[in-house]
Amino acid sequence: MKEIIFVVEEALEGGWTAKALGQAIFTEADDLESLKDMIRDAVRCHFEDDEMPCVLRLHYINEELLAI
């Protein structure tokens, strides 16, 4: 496996969440820098050294509502 894609979203209750596509990996943190550290840690815990992906790609989802 060469890369894992994470969907990163701002949590309703504050902070940020990240969910891997195609893998059972989910993590959360209070800020984006901490979230990046949590993602790395979660991936290290999920994979053996010989299966470790080379790239972690983060897709940031920003949802905005506009009033008419």
N, C-alpha and C. Protein backbone atom coordinates (compact mmCIF):
# COMPACT_ATOMS: atom_id res chain seq x y z
N MET A 1 0.85 -1.17 0.00
CA MET A 1 0.00 0.00 0.00
C MET A 1 0.89 1.23 0.00
N LYS A 2 0.65 2.11 -0.93
CA LYS A 2 1.50 3.28 -1.06
C LYS A 2 0.98 4.50 -0.33
N GLU A 3 -0.37 4.66 -0.26
CA GLU A 3 -0.90 5.83 0.43
C GLU A 3 -2.26 5.53 1.05
N ILE A 4 -2.58 6.31 2.06
CA ILE A 4 -3.89 6.28 2.69
C ILE A 4 -4.45 7.69 2.61
N ILE A 5 -5.71 7.79 2.25
CA ILE A 5 -6.38 9.08 2.18
C ILE A 5 -7.24 9.25 3.43
N PHE A 6 -7.10 10.38 4.09
CA PHE A 6 -7.91 10.73 5.26
C PHE A 6 -8.82 11.89 4.92
N VAL A 7 -10.08 11.79 5.35
CA VAL A 7 -11.02 12.90 5.25
C VAL A 7 -10.96 13.63 6.58
N VAL A 8 -10.60 14.92 6.54
CA VAL A 8 -10.44 15.73 7.73
C VAL A 8 -11.58 16.74 7.79
N GLU A 9 -12.28 16.76 8.93
CA GLU A 9 -13.41 17.68 9.10
C GLU A 9 -13.36 18.33 10.48
N GLU A 10 -13.91 19.53 10.55
CA GLU A 10 -14.06 20.19 11.84
C GLU A 10 -15.23 19.52 12.57
N ALA A 11 -15.02 19.16 13.82
CA ALA A 11 -16.05 18.48 14.61
C ALA A 11 -17.08 19.49 15.11
N LEU A 12 -18.33 19.08 15.19
CA LEU A 12 -19.40 19.96 15.66
C LEU A 12 -19.15 20.45 17.09
N GLU A 13 -18.61 19.59 17.93
CA GLU A 13 -18.36 19.94 19.32
C GLU A 13 -17.01 20.61 19.54
N GLY A 14 -16.32 20.92 18.45
CA GLY A 14 -15.00 21.55 18.51
C GLY A 14 -13.90 20.56 18.18
N GLY A 15 -12.80 21.05 17.74
CA GLY A 15 -11.67 20.21 17.35
C GLY A 15 -11.83 19.68 15.93
N TRP A 16 -11.09 18.63 15.62
CA TRP A 16 -11.02 18.07 14.27
C TRP A 16 -11.07 16.56 14.32
N THR A 17 -11.59 15.95 13.25
CA THR A 17 -11.62 14.50 13.13
C THR A 17 -10.96 14.10 11.80
N ALA A 18 -10.45 12.88 11.77
CA ALA A 18 -9.87 12.33 10.55
C ALA A 18 -10.28 10.87 10.43
N LYS A 19 -10.80 10.50 9.25
CA LYS A 19 -11.22 9.11 8.99
C LYS A 19 -10.54 8.65 7.71
N ALA A 20 -9.91 7.48 7.78
CA ALA A 20 -9.24 6.91 6.62
C ALA A 20 -10.26 6.28 5.69
N LEU A 21 -10.06 6.46 4.40
CA LEU A 21 -10.91 5.82 3.40
C LEU A 21 -10.36 4.42 3.13
N GLY A 22 -11.21 3.42 3.29
CA GLY A 22 -10.80 2.04 3.00
C GLY A 22 -10.07 1.35 4.13
N GLN A 23 -9.92 2.02 5.27
CA GLN A 23 -9.26 1.43 6.43
C GLN A 23 -10.07 1.79 7.67
N ALA A 24 -9.97 0.99 8.69
CA ALA A 24 -10.68 1.25 9.94
C ALA A 24 -9.82 2.10 10.87
N ILE A 25 -9.53 3.32 10.43
CA ILE A 25 -8.71 4.23 11.22
C ILE A 25 -9.49 5.53 11.40
N PHE A 26 -9.66 5.95 12.66
CA PHE A 26 -10.34 7.20 12.99
C PHE A 26 -9.61 7.82 14.17
N THR A 27 -9.43 9.12 14.13
CA THR A 27 -8.81 9.82 15.25
C THR A 27 -9.34 11.23 15.32
N GLU A 28 -9.08 11.90 16.43
CA GLU A 28 -9.53 13.27 16.61
C GLU A 28 -8.55 14.03 17.50
N ALA A 29 -8.61 15.36 17.41
CA ALA A 29 -7.73 16.21 18.21
C ALA A 29 -8.32 17.61 18.30
N ASP A 30 -7.75 18.40 19.20
CA ASP A 30 -8.25 19.76 19.41
C ASP A 30 -7.82 20.74 18.33
N ASP A 31 -6.66 20.50 17.70
CA ASP A 31 -6.18 21.42 16.66
C ASP A 31 -5.54 20.60 15.53
N LEU A 32 -5.29 21.27 14.41
CA LEU A 32 -4.81 20.55 13.21
C LEU A 32 -3.41 19.96 13.39
N GLU A 33 -2.52 20.66 14.06
CA GLU A 33 -1.18 20.12 14.26
C GLU A 33 -1.22 18.86 15.12
N SER A 34 -2.02 18.89 16.16
CA SER A 34 -2.18 17.70 17.01
C SER A 34 -2.84 16.57 16.23
N LEU A 35 -3.79 16.91 15.36
CA LEU A 35 -4.46 15.89 14.55
C LEU A 35 -3.47 15.18 13.63
N LYS A 36 -2.56 15.92 13.05
CA LYS A 36 -1.54 15.30 12.18
C LYS A 36 -0.71 14.30 12.97
N ASP A 37 -0.33 14.66 14.19
CA ASP A 37 0.42 13.73 15.04
C ASP A 37 -0.41 12.50 15.38
N MET A 38 -1.70 12.71 15.66
CA MET A 38 -2.60 11.60 15.99
C MET A 38 -2.79 10.67 14.79
N ILE A 39 -2.87 11.23 13.59
CA ILE A 39 -3.00 10.42 12.37
C ILE A 39 -1.76 9.53 12.21
N ARG A 40 -0.58 10.13 12.32
CA ARG A 40 0.66 9.36 12.20
C ARG A 40 0.69 8.22 13.23
N ASP A 41 0.33 8.54 14.47
CA ASP A 41 0.34 7.54 15.53
C ASP A 41 -0.66 6.42 15.25
N ALA A 42 -1.86 6.79 14.79
CA ALA A 42 -2.88 5.78 14.49
C ALA A 42 -2.44 4.85 13.36
N VAL A 43 -1.79 5.40 12.35
CA VAL A 43 -1.30 4.59 11.23
C VAL A 43 -0.19 3.65 11.71
N ARG A 44 0.71 4.15 12.54
CA ARG A 44 1.78 3.30 13.07
C ARG A 44 1.22 2.13 13.89
N CYS A 45 0.13 2.39 14.63
CA CYS A 45 -0.49 1.33 15.43
C CYS A 45 -1.25 0.32 14.57
N HIS A 46 -1.75 0.78 13.43
CA HIS A 46 -2.61 -0.05 12.58
C HIS A 46 -1.82 -0.99 11.67
N PHE A 47 -0.62 -0.61 11.26
CA PHE A 47 0.15 -1.38 10.29
C PHE A 47 1.46 -1.88 10.87
N GLU A 48 1.89 -3.05 10.38
CA GLU A 48 3.23 -3.55 10.66
C GLU A 48 4.22 -2.73 9.83
N ASP A 49 5.49 -2.75 10.21
CA ASP A 49 6.51 -1.96 9.51
C ASP A 49 6.58 -2.26 8.02
N ASP A 50 6.45 -3.53 7.64
CA ASP A 50 6.57 -3.90 6.23
C ASP A 50 5.32 -3.56 5.42
N GLU A 51 4.22 -3.17 6.09
CA GLU A 51 2.98 -2.80 5.40
C GLU A 51 2.70 -1.29 5.46
N MET A 52 3.58 -0.52 6.11
CA MET A 52 3.37 0.89 6.35
C MET A 52 3.26 1.66 5.04
N PRO A 53 2.21 2.48 4.88
CA PRO A 53 2.07 3.29 3.67
C PRO A 53 3.16 4.36 3.61
N CYS A 54 3.49 4.77 2.39
CA CYS A 54 4.52 5.80 2.19
C CYS A 54 3.97 7.21 2.34
N VAL A 55 2.69 7.38 1.99
CA VAL A 55 2.08 8.72 1.96
C VAL A 55 0.76 8.70 2.72
N LEU A 56 0.55 9.74 3.51
CA LEU A 56 -0.75 9.98 4.14
C LEU A 56 -1.30 11.26 3.54
N ARG A 57 -2.37 11.13 2.77
CA ARG A 57 -2.96 12.28 2.08
C ARG A 57 -4.17 12.76 2.87
N LEU A 58 -4.22 14.05 3.17
CA LEU A 58 -5.30 14.63 3.95
C LEU A 58 -6.19 15.48 3.03
N HIS A 59 -7.48 15.14 3.02
CA HIS A 59 -8.48 15.91 2.26
C HIS A 59 -9.32 16.67 3.29
N TYR A 60 -9.21 17.99 3.24
CA TYR A 60 -9.94 18.83 4.18
C TYR A 60 -11.32 19.15 3.62
N ILE A 61 -12.34 18.87 4.43
CA ILE A 61 -13.73 19.15 4.04
C ILE A 61 -14.15 20.40 4.81
N ASN A 62 -14.58 21.41 4.06
CA ASN A 62 -15.03 22.65 4.67
C ASN A 62 -16.46 22.90 4.20
N GLU A 63 -17.39 22.73 5.11
CA GLU A 63 -18.80 22.91 4.77
C GLU A 63 -19.25 24.28 5.27
N GLU A 64 -19.93 25.01 4.40
CA GLU A 64 -20.41 26.35 4.76
C GLU A 64 -21.84 26.52 4.30
N LEU A 65 -22.67 27.09 5.14
CA LEU A 65 -24.06 27.35 4.80
C LEU A 65 -24.23 28.83 4.53
N LEU A 66 -24.97 29.16 3.49
CA LEU A 66 -25.27 30.55 3.15
C LEU A 66 -26.74 30.81 3.33
N ALA A 67 -27.09 31.91 3.96
CA ALA A 67 -28.49 32.31 4.12
C ALA A 67 -28.92 33.04 2.84
N ILE A 68 -30.17 32.85 2.48
CA ILE A 68 -30.72 33.54 1.30
C ILE A 68 -31.40 34.81 1.72
